[in-house]
Amino acid sequence: MADTNRAALKTKIIRRLMSLEAEELTTAFAHYEAFLAESRLDDREMHDRDDIAGSTENLELAAAFDHPVQAHHAKIDVIENTDFAVTDTVGPGAIVALGDRRFVVAVSTSRFEADGETYMGISQQSPIYNAMKGLQAGDTFTLNEREMEIQDVL
């Protein structure tokens, strides 16, 4: 595959990765805002225990959704600041093919589709990344007593 085609493919994959994280952030933020809104007491002067307990519970749930909001913001920041240039070596920003699996080295994500293939984001802290860091297509590595061969690196 020519470098221009590889670059175009990589751009599609990264755009999909970014849109996935943006969608996740939007969902997490919507949950956060909903629970925060439900935690507000109305303008009545008096509130019974059930009102206060419900408000407190919703405020605690909103606080629990603050972490996912911050995590998705952090992932978007990593994606925006990663060099996704075409490469032949496994490192940050690389896309790695291992058999029928494809990984994007940036942030951990669930599986996602791009250009008819399934990909999954992995972070630089993941064991699989650490096992294949610096390798190239055709190189092998061992993970969990299993030998794997890198088919391609973008």
N, C-alpha and C. Protein backbone atom coordinates (compact mmCIF):
# COMPACT_ATOMS: atom_id res chain seq x y z
N MET A 1 0.85 -1.17 0.00
CA MET A 1 0.00 0.00 0.00
C MET A 1 0.90 1.24 0.00
N ALA A 2 0.60 2.20 -0.85
CA ALA A 2 1.40 3.42 -0.95
C ALA A 2 1.27 4.24 0.33
N ASP A 3 2.31 5.02 0.62
CA ASP A 3 2.30 5.83 1.84
C ASP A 3 1.12 6.79 1.90
N THR A 4 0.69 7.35 0.73
CA THR A 4 -0.45 8.28 0.74
C THR A 4 -1.73 7.54 1.12
N ASN A 5 -1.89 6.30 0.63
CA ASN A 5 -3.06 5.50 1.00
C ASN A 5 -3.01 5.12 2.48
N ARG A 6 -1.82 4.78 2.97
CA ARG A 6 -1.66 4.42 4.38
C ARG A 6 -1.96 5.63 5.26
N ALA A 7 -1.52 6.80 4.84
CA ALA A 7 -1.78 8.02 5.61
C ALA A 7 -3.27 8.33 5.62
N ALA A 8 -3.93 8.17 4.48
CA ALA A 8 -5.37 8.43 4.40
C ALA A 8 -6.15 7.45 5.28
N LEU A 9 -5.76 6.18 5.25
CA LEU A 9 -6.39 5.18 6.09
C LEU A 9 -6.20 5.52 7.56
N LYS A 10 -4.99 5.88 7.91
CA LYS A 10 -4.70 6.20 9.30
C LYS A 10 -5.51 7.41 9.76
N THR A 11 -5.66 8.39 8.89
CA THR A 11 -6.47 9.57 9.21
C THR A 11 -7.91 9.18 9.50
N LYS A 12 -8.49 8.28 8.68
CA LYS A 12 -9.86 7.81 8.91
C LYS A 12 -9.99 7.13 10.28
N ILE A 13 -9.01 6.31 10.58
CA ILE A 13 -9.05 5.56 11.85
C ILE A 13 -8.96 6.52 13.03
N ILE A 14 -8.07 7.48 12.96
CA ILE A 14 -7.89 8.43 14.07
C ILE A 14 -9.12 9.32 14.22
N ARG A 15 -9.71 9.72 13.11
CA ARG A 15 -10.95 10.51 13.19
C ARG A 15 -12.05 9.72 13.89
N ARG A 16 -12.14 8.44 13.58
CA ARG A 16 -13.15 7.59 14.22
C ARG A 16 -12.84 7.44 15.71
N LEU A 17 -11.57 7.26 16.04
CA LEU A 17 -11.16 7.16 17.44
C LEU A 17 -11.55 8.43 18.20
N MET A 18 -11.29 9.58 17.60
CA MET A 18 -11.62 10.85 18.25
C MET A 18 -13.14 11.01 18.38
N SER A 19 -13.89 10.64 17.36
CA SER A 19 -15.35 10.78 17.45
C SER A 19 -15.92 9.84 18.51
N LEU A 20 -15.33 8.66 18.66
CA LEU A 20 -15.75 7.72 19.69
C LEU A 20 -15.56 8.34 21.08
N GLU A 21 -14.40 8.93 21.32
CA GLU A 21 -14.15 9.56 22.62
C GLU A 21 -15.04 10.76 22.84
N ALA A 22 -15.29 11.53 21.78
CA ALA A 22 -16.18 12.69 21.91
C ALA A 22 -17.60 12.24 22.26
N GLU A 23 -18.06 11.14 21.65
CA GLU A 23 -19.38 10.59 21.97
C GLU A 23 -19.43 10.13 23.42
N GLU A 24 -18.38 9.44 23.86
CA GLU A 24 -18.32 8.97 25.25
C GLU A 24 -18.33 10.15 26.22
N LEU A 25 -17.60 11.20 25.90
CA LEU A 25 -17.57 12.40 26.74
C LEU A 25 -18.95 13.03 26.81
N THR A 26 -19.62 13.15 25.68
CA THR A 26 -20.96 13.74 25.64
C THR A 26 -21.93 12.95 26.51
N THR A 27 -21.88 11.63 26.41
CA THR A 27 -22.76 10.78 27.22
C THR A 27 -22.46 10.93 28.70
N ALA A 28 -21.18 10.87 29.07
CA ALA A 28 -20.80 11.00 30.49
C ALA A 28 -21.21 12.36 31.04
N PHE A 29 -21.02 13.40 30.24
CA PHE A 29 -21.38 14.75 30.69
C PHE A 29 -22.89 14.89 30.84
N ALA A 30 -23.65 14.28 29.95
CA ALA A 30 -25.12 14.32 30.05
C ALA A 30 -25.59 13.65 31.33
N HIS A 31 -24.98 12.51 31.69
CA HIS A 31 -25.34 11.84 32.94
C HIS A 31 -24.98 12.72 34.14
N TYR A 32 -23.80 13.30 34.09
CA TYR A 32 -23.35 14.19 35.16
C TYR A 32 -24.33 15.34 35.35
N GLU A 33 -24.67 16.02 34.25
CA GLU A 33 -25.58 17.17 34.33
C GLU A 33 -26.98 16.77 34.81
N ALA A 34 -27.46 15.61 34.36
CA ALA A 34 -28.79 15.16 34.77
C ALA A 34 -28.85 14.94 36.28
N PHE A 35 -27.87 14.23 36.83
CA PHE A 35 -27.87 13.99 38.27
C PHE A 35 -27.64 15.28 39.05
N LEU A 36 -26.81 16.16 38.52
CA LEU A 36 -26.58 17.44 39.19
C LEU A 36 -27.86 18.27 39.23
N ALA A 37 -28.59 18.30 38.12
CA ALA A 37 -29.86 19.04 38.07
C ALA A 37 -30.87 18.46 39.05
N GLU A 38 -30.90 17.12 39.13
CA GLU A 38 -31.86 16.47 40.03
C GLU A 38 -31.47 16.63 41.50
N SER A 39 -30.25 17.03 41.76
CA SER A 39 -29.82 17.21 43.15
C SER A 39 -30.25 18.56 43.71
N ARG A 40 -30.64 19.48 42.84
CA ARG A 40 -31.04 20.82 43.29
C ARG A 40 -32.44 20.77 43.92
N LEU A 41 -32.53 21.34 45.07
CA LEU A 41 -33.83 21.44 45.74
C LEU A 41 -34.60 22.60 45.15
N ASP A 42 -35.93 22.49 45.16
CA ASP A 42 -36.74 23.58 44.62
C ASP A 42 -36.75 24.77 45.58
N ASP A 43 -37.51 25.80 45.25
CA ASP A 43 -37.50 27.05 46.00
C ASP A 43 -38.34 27.04 47.28
N ARG A 44 -38.93 25.92 47.61
CA ARG A 44 -39.72 25.87 48.84
C ARG A 44 -38.83 26.19 50.04
N GLU A 45 -39.44 26.75 51.06
CA GLU A 45 -38.68 27.07 52.27
C GLU A 45 -38.38 25.83 53.10
N MET A 46 -39.27 24.87 53.06
CA MET A 46 -39.11 23.66 53.88
C MET A 46 -38.98 22.44 52.98
N HIS A 47 -38.07 21.55 53.35
CA HIS A 47 -37.87 20.28 52.63
C HIS A 47 -37.85 19.16 53.66
N ASP A 48 -38.54 18.08 53.34
CA ASP A 48 -38.54 16.96 54.27
C ASP A 48 -37.28 16.10 54.06
N ARG A 49 -37.16 15.11 54.90
CA ARG A 49 -35.96 14.25 54.85
C ARG A 49 -35.81 13.54 53.50
N ASP A 50 -36.94 13.13 52.93
CA ASP A 50 -36.89 12.44 51.63
C ASP A 50 -36.34 13.37 50.54
N ASP A 51 -36.74 14.66 50.57
CA ASP A 51 -36.22 15.63 49.61
C ASP A 51 -34.70 15.77 49.75
N ILE A 52 -34.27 15.91 50.98
CA ILE A 52 -32.84 16.11 51.25
C ILE A 52 -32.04 14.85 50.91
N ALA A 53 -32.59 13.68 51.26
CA ALA A 53 -31.90 12.42 50.95
C ALA A 53 -31.80 12.21 49.45
N GLY A 54 -32.88 12.51 48.73
CA GLY A 54 -32.85 12.37 47.27
C GLY A 54 -31.86 13.33 46.64
N SER A 55 -31.83 14.54 47.15
CA SER A 55 -30.89 15.54 46.65
C SER A 55 -29.45 15.10 46.89
N THR A 56 -29.19 14.60 48.07
CA THR A 56 -27.84 14.14 48.42
C THR A 56 -27.42 12.95 47.55
N GLU A 57 -28.35 12.03 47.35
CA GLU A 57 -28.06 10.85 46.52
C GLU A 57 -27.72 11.26 45.08
N ASN A 58 -28.52 12.17 44.53
CA ASN A 58 -28.26 12.63 43.16
C ASN A 58 -26.95 13.41 43.06
N LEU A 59 -26.62 14.16 44.09
CA LEU A 59 -25.36 14.88 44.10
C LEU A 59 -24.18 13.91 44.13
N GLU A 60 -24.31 12.83 44.91
CA GLU A 60 -23.26 11.81 44.96
C GLU A 60 -23.13 11.10 43.61
N LEU A 61 -24.25 10.84 42.95
CA LEU A 61 -24.21 10.21 41.63
C LEU A 61 -23.57 11.15 40.61
N ALA A 62 -23.88 12.43 40.70
CA ALA A 62 -23.24 13.41 39.80
C ALA A 62 -21.73 13.40 40.02
N ALA A 63 -21.31 13.37 41.27
CA ALA A 63 -19.87 13.34 41.57
C ALA A 63 -19.22 12.08 41.00
N ALA A 64 -19.96 10.96 41.04
CA ALA A 64 -19.41 9.72 40.48
C ALA A 64 -19.23 9.82 38.97
N PHE A 65 -20.09 10.58 38.29
CA PHE A 65 -19.96 10.76 36.85
C PHE A 65 -18.92 11.81 36.48
N ASP A 66 -18.43 12.56 37.45
CA ASP A 66 -17.39 13.54 37.16
C ASP A 66 -16.10 12.84 36.74
N HIS A 67 -15.79 11.70 37.34
CA HIS A 67 -14.57 10.97 36.98
C HIS A 67 -14.57 10.55 35.51
N PRO A 68 -15.64 9.91 35.00
CA PRO A 68 -15.65 9.57 33.57
C PRO A 68 -15.53 10.80 32.67
N VAL A 69 -16.14 11.90 33.07
CA VAL A 69 -16.03 13.13 32.28
C VAL A 69 -14.56 13.55 32.20
N GLN A 70 -13.89 13.56 33.34
CA GLN A 70 -12.48 13.95 33.36
C GLN A 70 -11.61 12.95 32.59
N ALA A 71 -11.94 11.66 32.71
CA ALA A 71 -11.16 10.63 32.00
C ALA A 71 -11.28 10.79 30.49
N HIS A 72 -12.47 11.08 30.00
CA HIS A 72 -12.65 11.26 28.56
C HIS A 72 -12.00 12.56 28.07
N HIS A 73 -12.04 13.60 28.90
CA HIS A 73 -11.31 14.83 28.56
C HIS A 73 -9.81 14.52 28.42
N ALA A 74 -9.28 13.74 29.36
CA ALA A 74 -7.86 13.39 29.33
C ALA A 74 -7.52 12.57 28.09
N LYS A 75 -8.39 11.63 27.72
CA LYS A 75 -8.15 10.81 26.53
C LYS A 75 -8.15 11.67 25.27
N ILE A 76 -9.10 12.60 25.19
CA ILE A 76 -9.14 13.49 24.03
C ILE A 76 -7.87 14.33 23.95
N ASP A 77 -7.39 14.78 25.10
CA ASP A 77 -6.14 15.55 25.14
C ASP A 77 -4.98 14.71 24.62
N VAL A 78 -4.91 13.45 25.03
CA VAL A 78 -3.84 12.56 24.55
C VAL A 78 -3.94 12.38 23.04
N ILE A 79 -5.15 12.13 22.55
CA ILE A 79 -5.33 11.92 21.11
C ILE A 79 -4.91 13.17 20.34
N GLU A 80 -5.34 14.33 20.82
CA GLU A 80 -5.00 15.58 20.14
C GLU A 80 -3.50 15.87 20.13
N ASN A 81 -2.79 15.35 21.11
CA ASN A 81 -1.35 15.64 21.22
C ASN A 81 -0.44 14.50 20.81
N THR A 82 -0.99 13.46 20.21
CA THR A 82 -0.20 12.33 19.74
C THR A 82 0.13 12.52 18.27
N ASP A 83 1.36 12.20 17.91
CA ASP A 83 1.79 12.25 16.51
C ASP A 83 1.35 10.95 15.84
N PHE A 84 0.41 11.07 14.92
CA PHE A 84 -0.12 9.90 14.22
C PHE A 84 0.46 9.77 12.81
N ALA A 85 1.66 10.25 12.61
CA ALA A 85 2.30 10.11 11.30
C ALA A 85 2.50 8.63 10.99
N VAL A 86 2.50 8.29 9.69
CA VAL A 86 2.74 6.91 9.28
C VAL A 86 4.13 6.50 9.78
N THR A 87 4.22 5.31 10.33
CA THR A 87 5.48 4.82 10.90
C THR A 87 5.62 3.33 10.60
N ASP A 88 6.82 2.82 10.78
CA ASP A 88 7.04 1.38 10.62
C ASP A 88 7.44 0.72 11.93
N THR A 89 7.41 1.51 13.01
CA THR A 89 7.84 1.02 14.32
C THR A 89 6.72 1.23 15.34
N VAL A 90 6.49 0.23 16.19
CA VAL A 90 5.46 0.34 17.22
C VAL A 90 5.89 1.39 18.25
N GLY A 91 5.05 2.38 18.40
CA GLY A 91 5.27 3.47 19.35
C GLY A 91 3.98 4.25 19.48
N PRO A 92 3.97 5.32 20.27
CA PRO A 92 2.76 6.14 20.39
C PRO A 92 2.31 6.63 19.01
N GLY A 93 1.02 6.47 18.74
CA GLY A 93 0.46 6.89 17.46
C GLY A 93 0.47 5.82 16.39
N ALA A 94 1.10 4.70 16.64
CA ALA A 94 1.15 3.61 15.66
C ALA A 94 -0.16 2.82 15.66
N ILE A 95 -0.45 2.23 14.52
CA ILE A 95 -1.54 1.27 14.40
C ILE A 95 -0.89 -0.06 14.10
N VAL A 96 -1.20 -1.07 14.89
CA VAL A 96 -0.50 -2.35 14.83
C VAL A 96 -1.49 -3.46 14.50
N ALA A 97 -1.14 -4.28 13.50
CA ALA A 97 -1.96 -5.44 13.13
C ALA A 97 -1.31 -6.69 13.68
N LEU A 98 -2.07 -7.43 14.48
CA LEU A 98 -1.65 -8.72 15.04
C LEU A 98 -2.70 -9.74 14.64
N GLY A 99 -2.43 -10.52 13.62
CA GLY A 99 -3.44 -11.47 13.14
C GLY A 99 -4.66 -10.71 12.69
N ASP A 100 -5.82 -11.05 13.26
CA ASP A 100 -7.05 -10.36 12.87
C ASP A 100 -7.39 -9.21 13.82
N ARG A 101 -6.46 -8.84 14.66
CA ARG A 101 -6.68 -7.73 15.60
C ARG A 101 -5.84 -6.53 15.21
N ARG A 102 -6.43 -5.34 15.42
CA ARG A 102 -5.73 -4.10 15.10
C ARG A 102 -5.83 -3.17 16.30
N PHE A 103 -4.69 -2.61 16.68
CA PHE A 103 -4.63 -1.75 17.86
C PHE A 103 -4.09 -0.37 17.48
N VAL A 104 -4.67 0.66 18.11
CA VAL A 104 -4.20 2.03 17.95
C VAL A 104 -3.52 2.40 19.26
N VAL A 105 -2.23 2.74 19.19
CA VAL A 105 -1.47 3.07 20.39
C VAL A 105 -1.69 4.55 20.71
N ALA A 106 -2.57 4.80 21.66
CA ALA A 106 -2.85 6.18 22.10
C ALA A 106 -3.52 6.12 23.47
N VAL A 107 -4.80 5.71 23.47
CA VAL A 107 -5.58 5.60 24.71
C VAL A 107 -6.39 4.31 24.64
N SER A 108 -6.74 3.78 25.79
CA SER A 108 -7.55 2.56 25.79
C SER A 108 -8.99 2.92 25.42
N THR A 109 -9.57 2.09 24.55
CA THR A 109 -10.95 2.28 24.13
C THR A 109 -11.62 0.92 23.98
N SER A 110 -12.92 0.97 23.81
CA SER A 110 -13.62 -0.24 23.42
C SER A 110 -13.36 -0.45 21.93
N ARG A 111 -13.80 -1.58 21.42
CA ARG A 111 -13.63 -1.84 19.98
C ARG A 111 -14.45 -0.85 19.18
N PHE A 112 -13.93 -0.48 18.01
CA PHE A 112 -14.67 0.41 17.12
C PHE A 112 -14.37 0.06 15.68
N GLU A 113 -15.28 0.43 14.80
CA GLU A 113 -15.15 0.13 13.37
C GLU A 113 -14.63 1.37 12.64
N ALA A 114 -13.75 1.13 11.69
CA ALA A 114 -13.26 2.19 10.80
C ALA A 114 -12.84 1.54 9.50
N ASP A 115 -13.35 2.04 8.41
CA ASP A 115 -12.99 1.58 7.07
C ASP A 115 -13.16 0.06 6.93
N GLY A 116 -14.23 -0.47 7.54
CA GLY A 116 -14.55 -1.89 7.40
C GLY A 116 -13.74 -2.83 8.28
N GLU A 117 -12.92 -2.31 9.16
CA GLU A 117 -12.12 -3.14 10.06
C GLU A 117 -12.43 -2.77 11.51
N THR A 118 -12.12 -3.68 12.42
CA THR A 118 -12.32 -3.44 13.84
C THR A 118 -10.98 -3.08 14.48
N TYR A 119 -10.99 -2.03 15.28
CA TYR A 119 -9.80 -1.54 15.97
C TYR A 119 -10.11 -1.42 17.45
N MET A 120 -9.05 -1.28 18.23
CA MET A 120 -9.20 -1.06 19.66
C MET A 120 -8.03 -0.19 20.10
N GLY A 121 -8.31 0.82 20.89
CA GLY A 121 -7.25 1.67 21.40
C GLY A 121 -6.56 1.02 22.59
N ILE A 122 -5.24 1.15 22.64
CA ILE A 122 -4.47 0.69 23.81
C ILE A 122 -3.59 1.84 24.28
N SER A 123 -3.34 1.86 25.56
CA SER A 123 -2.50 2.91 26.13
C SER A 123 -1.04 2.46 26.18
N GLN A 124 -0.17 3.41 26.42
CA GLN A 124 1.25 3.10 26.54
C GLN A 124 1.57 2.37 27.84
N GLN A 125 0.59 2.25 28.73
CA GLN A 125 0.79 1.52 29.97
C GLN A 125 0.35 0.07 29.86
N SER A 126 -0.25 -0.30 28.74
CA SER A 126 -0.79 -1.66 28.62
C SER A 126 0.33 -2.68 28.43
N PRO A 127 0.15 -3.88 28.97
CA PRO A 127 1.17 -4.92 28.83
C PRO A 127 1.46 -5.27 27.37
N ILE A 128 0.44 -5.28 26.52
CA ILE A 128 0.69 -5.65 25.13
C ILE A 128 1.56 -4.59 24.44
N TYR A 129 1.30 -3.32 24.74
CA TYR A 129 2.14 -2.27 24.16
C TYR A 129 3.59 -2.41 24.63
N ASN A 130 3.77 -2.62 25.92
CA ASN A 130 5.12 -2.74 26.46
C ASN A 130 5.87 -3.93 25.86
N ALA A 131 5.13 -4.99 25.52
CA ALA A 131 5.77 -6.16 24.92
C ALA A 131 6.19 -5.93 23.47
N MET A 132 5.49 -5.04 22.76
CA MET A 132 5.80 -4.86 21.34
C MET A 132 6.40 -3.49 21.00
N LYS A 133 6.62 -2.66 22.00
CA LYS A 133 7.19 -1.33 21.80
C LYS A 133 8.53 -1.44 21.07
N GLY A 134 8.69 -0.64 20.01
CA GLY A 134 9.94 -0.61 19.25
C GLY A 134 10.06 -1.67 18.16
N LEU A 135 9.09 -2.58 18.07
CA LEU A 135 9.15 -3.65 17.07
C LEU A 135 8.56 -3.18 15.75
N GLN A 136 8.77 -3.99 14.71
CA GLN A 136 8.28 -3.67 13.38
C GLN A 136 7.55 -4.89 12.80
N ALA A 137 6.92 -4.68 11.63
CA ALA A 137 6.21 -5.78 10.96
C ALA A 137 7.17 -6.94 10.74
N GLY A 138 6.68 -8.15 11.04
CA GLY A 138 7.50 -9.34 10.90
C GLY A 138 8.17 -9.75 12.21
N ASP A 139 8.31 -8.82 13.15
CA ASP A 139 8.91 -9.14 14.45
C ASP A 139 7.91 -9.92 15.30
N THR A 140 8.43 -10.73 16.21
CA THR A 140 7.60 -11.49 17.13
C THR A 140 7.89 -11.06 18.56
N PHE A 141 6.92 -11.29 19.43
CA PHE A 141 7.08 -11.03 20.86
C PHE A 141 6.25 -12.03 21.62
N THR A 142 6.54 -12.16 22.90
CA THR A 142 5.81 -13.09 23.74
C THR A 142 5.02 -12.31 24.78
N LEU A 143 3.76 -12.70 24.92
CA LEU A 143 2.89 -12.09 25.92
C LEU A 143 2.07 -13.21 26.54
N ASN A 144 2.14 -13.32 27.85
CA ASN A 144 1.42 -14.39 28.57
C ASN A 144 1.77 -15.76 28.00
N GLU A 145 3.04 -15.98 27.78
CA GLU A 145 3.58 -17.25 27.29
C GLU A 145 3.07 -17.61 25.89
N ARG A 146 2.62 -16.61 25.16
CA ARG A 146 2.12 -16.84 23.80
C ARG A 146 2.91 -15.97 22.84
N GLU A 147 3.44 -16.59 21.80
CA GLU A 147 4.22 -15.84 20.82
C GLU A 147 3.29 -15.23 19.78
N MET A 148 3.52 -13.97 19.48
CA MET A 148 2.70 -13.25 18.49
C MET A 148 3.60 -12.58 17.47
N GLU A 149 3.09 -12.48 16.25
CA GLU A 149 3.84 -11.82 15.19
C GLU A 149 3.09 -10.57 14.73
N ILE A 150 3.84 -9.51 14.57
CA ILE A 150 3.28 -8.25 14.09
C ILE A 150 3.19 -8.34 12.56
N GLN A 151 1.97 -8.23 12.02
CA GLN A 151 1.79 -8.29 10.57
C GLN A 151 2.06 -6.95 9.90
N ASP A 152 1.67 -5.87 10.57
CA ASP A 152 1.81 -4.56 9.93
C ASP A 152 1.85 -3.48 11.01
N VAL A 153 2.53 -2.38 10.68
CA VAL A 153 2.57 -1.20 11.53
C VAL A 153 2.32 0.00 10.63
N LEU A 154 1.38 0.83 11.01
CA LEU A 154 1.09 2.07 10.28
C LEU A 154 1.56 3.25 11.10
